[in-house]
Amino acid sequence: MFRLSNIARAIIVGCAMLAIQGCASSGPRFSEMPLAQQGPKPDMARIYVYRTTILGAAVQPDVTLNGQAVGTAVPNGFFYLDRPAGEYKIATETEVERTLNLTLEPGQTAYVRLGISMGFFVGHVYPELVENSQGSKEVQECHFTGPTP
């Protein structure tokens, strides 16, 4: 029977950790982006979309807003969208589509955290609306993954 030595196990675990870290975002942090910290224009609403965990790091589906791709579910990453007030559907899809419906008012800020759960073949990334007090804290540690505004 083949047995790994403690050194071989340590090397394998170290390589796995580096691979996981390589899947995480490396853009500027939220605190380094003054435009991201400003609120939306008075006639617009802002949606922060972010993912706080590296669990399931290889699972990075597109995030869509009303059917249009607007970003990717990158571990420890965030992006934001300024949109007119109205009805919105945020969705991600791996084996199944997971959705969140929002109604936004002018000047409103919404925080949508992307969680991950077990799936049959791959994890499911799902959007969930969180309280502004919680979302504004959680997004602080995330790195920007969206297009330059």
N, C-alpha and C. Protein backbone atom coordinates (compact mmCIF):
# COMPACT_ATOMS: atom_id res chain seq x y z
N MET A 1 0.84 -1.18 0.00
CA MET A 1 0.00 0.00 0.00
C MET A 1 0.89 1.24 0.00
N PHE A 2 0.53 2.23 -0.79
CA PHE A 2 1.29 3.47 -0.91
C PHE A 2 0.90 4.42 0.21
N ARG A 3 1.89 4.98 0.94
CA ARG A 3 1.63 5.92 2.02
C ARG A 3 2.45 7.18 1.80
N LEU A 4 1.83 8.32 2.00
CA LEU A 4 2.53 9.60 1.85
C LEU A 4 3.25 9.94 3.14
N SER A 5 4.43 10.48 3.00
CA SER A 5 5.15 10.95 4.18
C SER A 5 4.55 12.29 4.61
N ASN A 6 4.88 12.72 5.80
CA ASN A 6 4.38 14.00 6.30
C ASN A 6 4.86 15.15 5.41
N ILE A 7 6.07 15.06 4.90
CA ILE A 7 6.60 16.12 4.02
C ILE A 7 5.79 16.16 2.73
N ALA A 8 5.51 15.01 2.15
CA ALA A 8 4.72 14.97 0.91
C ALA A 8 3.33 15.54 1.13
N ARG A 9 2.73 15.20 2.28
CA ARG A 9 1.40 15.75 2.59
C ARG A 9 1.46 17.26 2.72
N ALA A 10 2.49 17.77 3.39
CA ALA A 10 2.63 19.22 3.56
C ALA A 10 2.79 19.92 2.21
N ILE A 11 3.54 19.32 1.31
CA ILE A 11 3.74 19.91 -0.03
C ILE A 11 2.41 19.93 -0.79
N ILE A 12 1.66 18.84 -0.72
CA ILE A 12 0.38 18.77 -1.42
C ILE A 12 -0.60 19.81 -0.87
N VAL A 13 -0.68 19.91 0.45
CA VAL A 13 -1.57 20.90 1.07
C VAL A 13 -1.14 22.31 0.70
N GLY A 14 0.17 22.58 0.72
CA GLY A 14 0.68 23.90 0.35
C GLY A 14 0.33 24.27 -1.08
N CYS A 15 0.50 23.32 -1.99
CA CYS A 15 0.16 23.57 -3.40
C CYS A 15 -1.34 23.82 -3.56
N ALA A 16 -2.16 23.07 -2.85
CA ALA A 16 -3.61 23.27 -2.92
C ALA A 16 -3.98 24.66 -2.42
N MET A 17 -3.37 25.11 -1.34
CA MET A 17 -3.66 26.44 -0.80
C MET A 17 -3.26 27.54 -1.79
N LEU A 18 -2.10 27.37 -2.43
CA LEU A 18 -1.68 28.35 -3.44
C LEU A 18 -2.64 28.37 -4.62
N ALA A 19 -3.11 27.22 -5.02
CA ALA A 19 -4.06 27.15 -6.13
C ALA A 19 -5.36 27.86 -5.77
N ILE A 20 -5.83 27.66 -4.54
CA ILE A 20 -7.06 28.32 -4.10
C ILE A 20 -6.86 29.82 -4.06
N GLN A 21 -5.73 30.28 -3.53
CA GLN A 21 -5.47 31.72 -3.46
C GLN A 21 -5.38 32.32 -4.84
N GLY A 22 -4.88 31.55 -5.81
CA GLY A 22 -4.77 32.04 -7.17
C GLY A 22 -6.12 32.29 -7.80
N CYS A 23 -7.16 31.64 -7.27
CA CYS A 23 -8.51 31.83 -7.81
C CYS A 23 -9.17 33.08 -7.23
N ALA A 24 -8.63 33.62 -6.18
CA ALA A 24 -9.22 34.79 -5.54
C ALA A 24 -8.85 36.06 -6.31
N SER A 25 -9.60 37.09 -6.07
CA SER A 25 -9.40 38.36 -6.75
C SER A 25 -8.14 39.06 -6.27
N SER A 26 -7.55 39.85 -7.16
CA SER A 26 -6.34 40.59 -6.79
C SER A 26 -6.42 42.06 -7.20
N GLY A 27 -7.59 42.57 -7.50
CA GLY A 27 -7.75 43.98 -7.85
C GLY A 27 -7.66 44.86 -6.61
N PRO A 28 -7.85 46.16 -6.77
CA PRO A 28 -7.78 47.06 -5.62
C PRO A 28 -8.90 46.77 -4.63
N ARG A 29 -8.61 46.97 -3.35
CA ARG A 29 -9.63 46.79 -2.31
C ARG A 29 -10.66 47.91 -2.40
N PHE A 30 -11.81 47.64 -1.83
CA PHE A 30 -12.88 48.62 -1.79
C PHE A 30 -12.37 49.95 -1.23
N SER A 31 -11.58 49.89 -0.16
CA SER A 31 -11.09 51.10 0.50
C SER A 31 -10.14 51.91 -0.37
N GLU A 32 -9.63 51.32 -1.44
CA GLU A 32 -8.72 52.00 -2.35
C GLU A 32 -9.44 52.59 -3.56
N MET A 33 -10.76 52.55 -3.55
CA MET A 33 -11.54 53.00 -4.70
C MET A 33 -12.54 54.08 -4.29
N PRO A 34 -12.14 55.34 -4.34
CA PRO A 34 -13.05 56.42 -3.94
C PRO A 34 -14.38 56.42 -4.70
N LEU A 35 -14.36 56.12 -5.99
CA LEU A 35 -15.61 56.11 -6.76
C LEU A 35 -16.56 55.02 -6.27
N ALA A 36 -16.01 53.89 -5.85
CA ALA A 36 -16.85 52.80 -5.35
C ALA A 36 -17.50 53.18 -4.03
N GLN A 37 -16.86 54.05 -3.26
CA GLN A 37 -17.36 54.43 -1.95
C GLN A 37 -18.42 55.51 -2.01
N GLN A 38 -18.44 56.26 -3.09
CA GLN A 38 -19.46 57.30 -3.24
C GLN A 38 -20.82 56.64 -3.50
N GLY A 39 -21.85 57.31 -3.10
CA GLY A 39 -23.19 56.80 -3.37
C GLY A 39 -23.57 57.04 -4.82
N PRO A 40 -24.72 56.53 -5.22
CA PRO A 40 -25.19 56.75 -6.58
C PRO A 40 -25.64 58.20 -6.79
N LYS A 41 -25.74 58.60 -8.03
CA LYS A 41 -26.32 59.90 -8.34
C LYS A 41 -27.76 59.91 -7.85
N PRO A 42 -28.33 61.08 -7.55
CA PRO A 42 -29.68 61.14 -6.96
C PRO A 42 -30.77 60.40 -7.75
N ASP A 43 -30.66 60.36 -9.07
CA ASP A 43 -31.69 59.71 -9.87
C ASP A 43 -31.39 58.24 -10.16
N MET A 44 -30.32 57.70 -9.57
CA MET A 44 -29.91 56.32 -9.81
C MET A 44 -29.91 55.53 -8.51
N ALA A 45 -29.76 54.22 -8.62
CA ALA A 45 -29.60 53.32 -7.47
C ALA A 45 -28.30 52.56 -7.69
N ARG A 46 -27.69 52.10 -6.61
CA ARG A 46 -26.43 51.34 -6.71
C ARG A 46 -26.62 49.96 -6.11
N ILE A 47 -26.07 48.97 -6.82
CA ILE A 47 -26.06 47.59 -6.35
C ILE A 47 -24.61 47.15 -6.23
N TYR A 48 -24.20 46.76 -5.03
CA TYR A 48 -22.90 46.14 -4.82
C TYR A 48 -23.13 44.63 -4.85
N VAL A 49 -22.36 43.93 -5.67
CA VAL A 49 -22.44 42.47 -5.75
C VAL A 49 -21.07 41.97 -5.31
N TYR A 50 -21.06 41.07 -4.32
CA TYR A 50 -19.77 40.64 -3.77
C TYR A 50 -19.83 39.20 -3.27
N ARG A 51 -18.66 38.64 -3.13
CA ARG A 51 -18.52 37.26 -2.63
C ARG A 51 -17.40 37.26 -1.59
N THR A 52 -17.69 36.83 -0.38
CA THR A 52 -16.74 36.96 0.72
C THR A 52 -15.93 35.71 1.00
N THR A 53 -16.22 34.62 0.39
CA THR A 53 -15.56 33.36 0.73
C THR A 53 -14.80 32.77 -0.44
N ILE A 54 -13.74 32.00 -0.12
CA ILE A 54 -13.03 31.28 -1.17
C ILE A 54 -13.53 29.84 -1.27
N LEU A 55 -14.48 29.48 -0.41
CA LEU A 55 -15.09 28.16 -0.51
C LEU A 55 -15.63 27.97 -1.92
N GLY A 56 -15.29 26.89 -2.57
CA GLY A 56 -15.73 26.67 -3.94
C GLY A 56 -15.10 27.64 -4.91
N ALA A 57 -13.83 27.97 -4.68
CA ALA A 57 -13.15 29.02 -5.46
C ALA A 57 -13.18 28.78 -6.97
N ALA A 58 -13.18 27.54 -7.39
CA ALA A 58 -13.19 27.25 -8.82
C ALA A 58 -14.55 27.51 -9.47
N VAL A 59 -15.58 27.65 -8.66
CA VAL A 59 -16.93 27.89 -9.17
C VAL A 59 -17.14 29.40 -9.26
N GLN A 60 -17.09 29.94 -10.47
CA GLN A 60 -17.19 31.38 -10.68
C GLN A 60 -18.12 31.69 -11.85
N PRO A 61 -19.41 31.45 -11.66
CA PRO A 61 -20.34 31.71 -12.77
C PRO A 61 -20.53 33.20 -13.05
N ASP A 62 -21.04 33.48 -14.22
CA ASP A 62 -21.42 34.85 -14.55
C ASP A 62 -22.57 35.28 -13.65
N VAL A 63 -22.62 36.57 -13.39
CA VAL A 63 -23.74 37.18 -12.69
C VAL A 63 -24.50 37.98 -13.74
N THR A 64 -25.81 37.77 -13.81
CA THR A 64 -26.60 38.51 -14.79
C THR A 64 -27.58 39.44 -14.08
N LEU A 65 -27.87 40.54 -14.73
CA LEU A 65 -28.87 41.50 -14.27
C LEU A 65 -29.89 41.61 -15.38
N ASN A 66 -31.11 41.17 -15.10
CA ASN A 66 -32.18 41.16 -16.12
C ASN A 66 -31.72 40.46 -17.40
N GLY A 67 -30.99 39.35 -17.22
CA GLY A 67 -30.58 38.53 -18.36
C GLY A 67 -29.29 38.94 -19.03
N GLN A 68 -28.68 40.04 -18.63
CA GLN A 68 -27.44 40.52 -19.25
C GLN A 68 -26.28 40.28 -18.30
N ALA A 69 -25.19 39.67 -18.79
CA ALA A 69 -24.01 39.43 -17.96
C ALA A 69 -23.41 40.76 -17.53
N VAL A 70 -23.18 40.90 -16.21
CA VAL A 70 -22.64 42.15 -15.66
C VAL A 70 -21.39 41.93 -14.82
N GLY A 71 -21.03 40.68 -14.55
CA GLY A 71 -19.85 40.40 -13.75
C GLY A 71 -19.70 38.91 -13.52
N THR A 72 -18.74 38.57 -12.66
CA THR A 72 -18.43 37.18 -12.35
C THR A 72 -18.37 37.01 -10.85
N ALA A 73 -18.79 35.86 -10.35
CA ALA A 73 -18.80 35.55 -8.92
C ALA A 73 -17.39 35.13 -8.48
N VAL A 74 -16.49 36.09 -8.36
CA VAL A 74 -15.10 35.83 -8.00
C VAL A 74 -14.96 35.84 -6.47
N PRO A 75 -14.30 34.83 -5.91
CA PRO A 75 -14.09 34.81 -4.46
C PRO A 75 -13.37 36.06 -3.97
N ASN A 76 -13.83 36.60 -2.86
CA ASN A 76 -13.29 37.83 -2.26
C ASN A 76 -13.30 39.01 -3.22
N GLY A 77 -14.24 39.01 -4.16
CA GLY A 77 -14.33 40.07 -5.14
C GLY A 77 -15.66 40.80 -5.06
N PHE A 78 -15.67 42.03 -5.63
CA PHE A 78 -16.91 42.80 -5.71
C PHE A 78 -16.93 43.61 -6.98
N PHE A 79 -18.10 43.98 -7.40
CA PHE A 79 -18.31 44.97 -8.45
C PHE A 79 -19.58 45.71 -8.09
N TYR A 80 -19.80 46.84 -8.74
CA TYR A 80 -21.02 47.60 -8.45
C TYR A 80 -21.64 48.10 -9.73
N LEU A 81 -22.95 48.32 -9.65
CA LEU A 81 -23.73 48.74 -10.80
C LEU A 81 -24.60 49.92 -10.40
N ASP A 82 -24.60 50.96 -11.19
CA ASP A 82 -25.52 52.08 -11.00
C ASP A 82 -26.60 51.95 -12.06
N ARG A 83 -27.84 51.89 -11.60
CA ARG A 83 -28.97 51.68 -12.50
C ARG A 83 -30.13 52.59 -12.10
N PRO A 84 -31.02 52.89 -13.05
CA PRO A 84 -32.23 53.64 -12.70
C PRO A 84 -33.11 52.83 -11.74
N ALA A 85 -33.94 53.52 -11.01
CA ALA A 85 -34.89 52.85 -10.13
C ALA A 85 -35.73 51.88 -10.95
N GLY A 86 -36.14 50.78 -10.33
CA GLY A 86 -36.98 49.83 -11.04
C GLY A 86 -36.83 48.42 -10.51
N GLU A 87 -37.37 47.48 -11.27
CA GLU A 87 -37.36 46.06 -10.93
C GLU A 87 -36.15 45.39 -11.57
N TYR A 88 -35.44 44.56 -10.79
CA TYR A 88 -34.26 43.88 -11.29
C TYR A 88 -34.24 42.43 -10.82
N LYS A 89 -33.69 41.59 -11.68
CA LYS A 89 -33.49 40.16 -11.36
C LYS A 89 -32.01 39.87 -11.50
N ILE A 90 -31.38 39.50 -10.39
CA ILE A 90 -29.97 39.10 -10.38
C ILE A 90 -29.94 37.59 -10.37
N ALA A 91 -29.12 36.99 -11.24
CA ALA A 91 -29.08 35.53 -11.34
C ALA A 91 -27.67 35.02 -11.53
N THR A 92 -27.45 33.80 -11.06
CA THR A 92 -26.23 33.03 -11.33
C THR A 92 -26.69 31.64 -11.75
N GLU A 93 -25.84 30.94 -12.49
CA GLU A 93 -26.23 29.61 -12.93
C GLU A 93 -25.03 28.69 -13.02
N THR A 94 -25.13 27.54 -12.34
CA THR A 94 -24.19 26.44 -12.51
C THR A 94 -25.04 25.27 -12.99
N GLU A 95 -25.37 24.34 -12.11
CA GLU A 95 -26.30 23.26 -12.48
C GLU A 95 -27.73 23.79 -12.58
N VAL A 96 -28.04 24.74 -11.72
CA VAL A 96 -29.36 25.35 -11.69
C VAL A 96 -29.20 26.87 -11.60
N GLU A 97 -30.25 27.58 -12.01
CA GLU A 97 -30.23 29.03 -11.90
C GLU A 97 -30.73 29.43 -10.52
N ARG A 98 -30.02 30.35 -9.89
CA ARG A 98 -30.44 30.93 -8.61
C ARG A 98 -30.70 32.41 -8.85
N THR A 99 -31.82 32.93 -8.35
CA THR A 99 -32.21 34.30 -8.66
C THR A 99 -32.56 35.09 -7.40
N LEU A 100 -32.49 36.39 -7.55
CA LEU A 100 -32.93 37.34 -6.52
C LEU A 100 -33.63 38.48 -7.25
N ASN A 101 -34.84 38.81 -6.82
CA ASN A 101 -35.57 39.94 -7.39
C ASN A 101 -35.48 41.14 -6.46
N LEU A 102 -35.18 42.29 -7.03
CA LEU A 102 -35.03 43.54 -6.27
C LEU A 102 -35.90 44.63 -6.87
N THR A 103 -36.41 45.50 -6.02
CA THR A 103 -37.03 46.74 -6.46
C THR A 103 -36.20 47.86 -5.87
N LEU A 104 -35.64 48.69 -6.74
CA LEU A 104 -34.75 49.77 -6.30
C LEU A 104 -35.42 51.13 -6.46
N GLU A 105 -35.17 51.99 -5.48
CA GLU A 105 -35.67 53.37 -5.49
C GLU A 105 -34.52 54.32 -5.84
N PRO A 106 -34.82 55.52 -6.33
CA PRO A 106 -33.75 56.50 -6.61
C PRO A 106 -32.93 56.77 -5.35
N GLY A 107 -31.60 56.77 -5.49
CA GLY A 107 -30.70 57.04 -4.38
C GLY A 107 -30.43 55.85 -3.47
N GLN A 108 -31.11 54.73 -3.70
CA GLN A 108 -30.95 53.55 -2.85
C GLN A 108 -29.65 52.82 -3.15
N THR A 109 -29.07 52.20 -2.12
CA THR A 109 -27.93 51.31 -2.25
C THR A 109 -28.35 49.94 -1.76
N ALA A 110 -28.05 48.90 -2.52
CA ALA A 110 -28.37 47.53 -2.14
C ALA A 110 -27.10 46.69 -2.18
N TYR A 111 -26.98 45.76 -1.24
CA TYR A 111 -25.83 44.86 -1.16
C TYR A 111 -26.31 43.44 -1.42
N VAL A 112 -25.72 42.81 -2.43
CA VAL A 112 -26.07 41.44 -2.80
C VAL A 112 -24.83 40.57 -2.62
N ARG A 113 -24.90 39.71 -1.62
CA ARG A 113 -23.79 38.78 -1.34
C ARG A 113 -24.03 37.51 -2.13
N LEU A 114 -22.97 36.98 -2.71
CA LEU A 114 -23.04 35.72 -3.44
C LEU A 114 -22.54 34.61 -2.53
N GLY A 115 -23.45 33.74 -2.11
CA GLY A 115 -23.09 32.61 -1.27
C GLY A 115 -22.88 31.38 -2.13
N ILE A 116 -22.42 30.30 -1.49
CA ILE A 116 -22.22 29.06 -2.22
C ILE A 116 -22.78 27.90 -1.39
N SER A 117 -23.41 26.96 -2.08
CA SER A 117 -23.94 25.77 -1.42
C SER A 117 -23.56 24.56 -2.25
N MET A 118 -23.71 23.40 -1.66
CA MET A 118 -23.36 22.15 -2.34
C MET A 118 -24.35 21.90 -3.48
N GLY A 119 -23.81 21.34 -4.55
CA GLY A 119 -24.63 20.91 -5.66
C GLY A 119 -24.38 19.44 -5.92
N PHE A 120 -25.03 18.89 -6.92
CA PHE A 120 -24.84 17.48 -7.23
C PHE A 120 -23.47 17.26 -7.87
N PHE A 121 -23.13 18.08 -8.87
CA PHE A 121 -21.83 17.97 -9.53
C PHE A 121 -20.91 19.14 -9.15
N VAL A 122 -21.45 20.33 -9.10
CA VAL A 122 -20.67 21.53 -8.75
C VAL A 122 -21.47 22.34 -7.74
N GLY A 123 -20.80 23.28 -7.10
CA GLY A 123 -21.48 24.14 -6.14
C GLY A 123 -22.46 25.07 -6.82
N HIS A 124 -23.41 25.55 -6.04
CA HIS A 124 -24.39 26.52 -6.53
C HIS A 124 -24.07 27.87 -5.90
N VAL A 125 -23.89 28.87 -6.72
CA VAL A 125 -23.67 30.22 -6.23
C VAL A 125 -25.03 30.91 -6.27
N TYR A 126 -25.40 31.51 -5.14
CA TYR A 126 -26.73 32.11 -5.06
C TYR A 126 -26.63 33.55 -4.55
N PRO A 127 -27.42 34.46 -5.13
CA PRO A 127 -27.45 35.84 -4.66
C PRO A 127 -28.43 36.01 -3.50
N GLU A 128 -28.01 36.78 -2.51
CA GLU A 128 -28.91 37.08 -1.39
C GLU A 128 -28.75 38.54 -0.99
N LEU A 129 -29.86 39.19 -0.74
CA LEU A 129 -29.87 40.58 -0.30
C LEU A 129 -29.51 40.62 1.18
N VAL A 130 -28.56 41.48 1.55
CA VAL A 130 -28.19 41.61 2.95
C VAL A 130 -28.44 43.06 3.39
N GLU A 131 -28.61 43.23 4.69
CA GLU A 131 -28.80 44.57 5.25
C GLU A 131 -27.61 45.45 4.90
N ASN A 132 -27.87 46.74 4.67
CA ASN A 132 -26.79 47.66 4.30
C ASN A 132 -25.70 47.71 5.36
N SER A 133 -26.06 47.64 6.64
CA SER A 133 -25.05 47.69 7.69
C SER A 133 -24.10 46.50 7.59
N GLN A 134 -24.60 45.34 7.26
CA GLN A 134 -23.76 44.15 7.12
C GLN A 134 -22.99 44.19 5.81
N GLY A 135 -23.67 44.49 4.71
CA GLY A 135 -23.03 44.51 3.40
C GLY A 135 -21.91 45.53 3.31
N SER A 136 -22.11 46.71 3.89
CA SER A 136 -21.08 47.75 3.83
C SER A 136 -19.82 47.33 4.58
N LYS A 137 -19.96 46.49 5.60
CA LYS A 137 -18.78 45.97 6.32
C LYS A 137 -18.12 44.84 5.53
N GLU A 138 -18.91 43.93 5.01
CA GLU A 138 -18.36 42.77 4.32
C GLU A 138 -17.62 43.15 3.04
N VAL A 139 -18.11 44.14 2.31
CA VAL A 139 -17.49 44.50 1.04
C VAL A 139 -16.12 45.17 1.24
N GLN A 140 -15.86 45.68 2.44
CA GLN A 140 -14.59 46.37 2.72
C GLN A 140 -13.37 45.51 2.43
N GLU A 141 -13.46 44.21 2.66
CA GLU A 141 -12.33 43.30 2.48
C GLU A 141 -12.24 42.70 1.08
N CYS A 142 -13.17 43.04 0.22
CA CYS A 142 -13.20 42.48 -1.12
C CYS A 142 -12.37 43.31 -2.09
N HIS A 143 -11.97 42.65 -3.17
CA HIS A 143 -11.18 43.31 -4.23
C HIS A 143 -12.08 43.54 -5.44
N PHE A 144 -11.87 44.66 -6.12
CA PHE A 144 -12.68 45.03 -7.28
C PHE A 144 -12.42 44.08 -8.44
N THR A 145 -13.50 43.57 -9.03
CA THR A 145 -13.39 42.65 -10.16
C THR A 145 -14.13 43.12 -11.41
N GLY A 146 -14.77 44.28 -11.30
CA GLY A 146 -15.58 44.76 -12.42
C GLY A 146 -14.80 45.63 -13.38
N PRO A 147 -15.47 46.10 -14.42
CA PRO A 147 -14.83 47.03 -15.34
C PRO A 147 -14.65 48.39 -14.66
N THR A 148 -13.66 49.12 -15.08
CA THR A 148 -13.43 50.44 -14.51
C THR A 148 -14.61 51.33 -14.84
N PRO A 149 -15.23 51.92 -13.79
CA PRO A 149 -16.41 52.75 -14.03
C PRO A 149 -16.06 54.02 -14.80
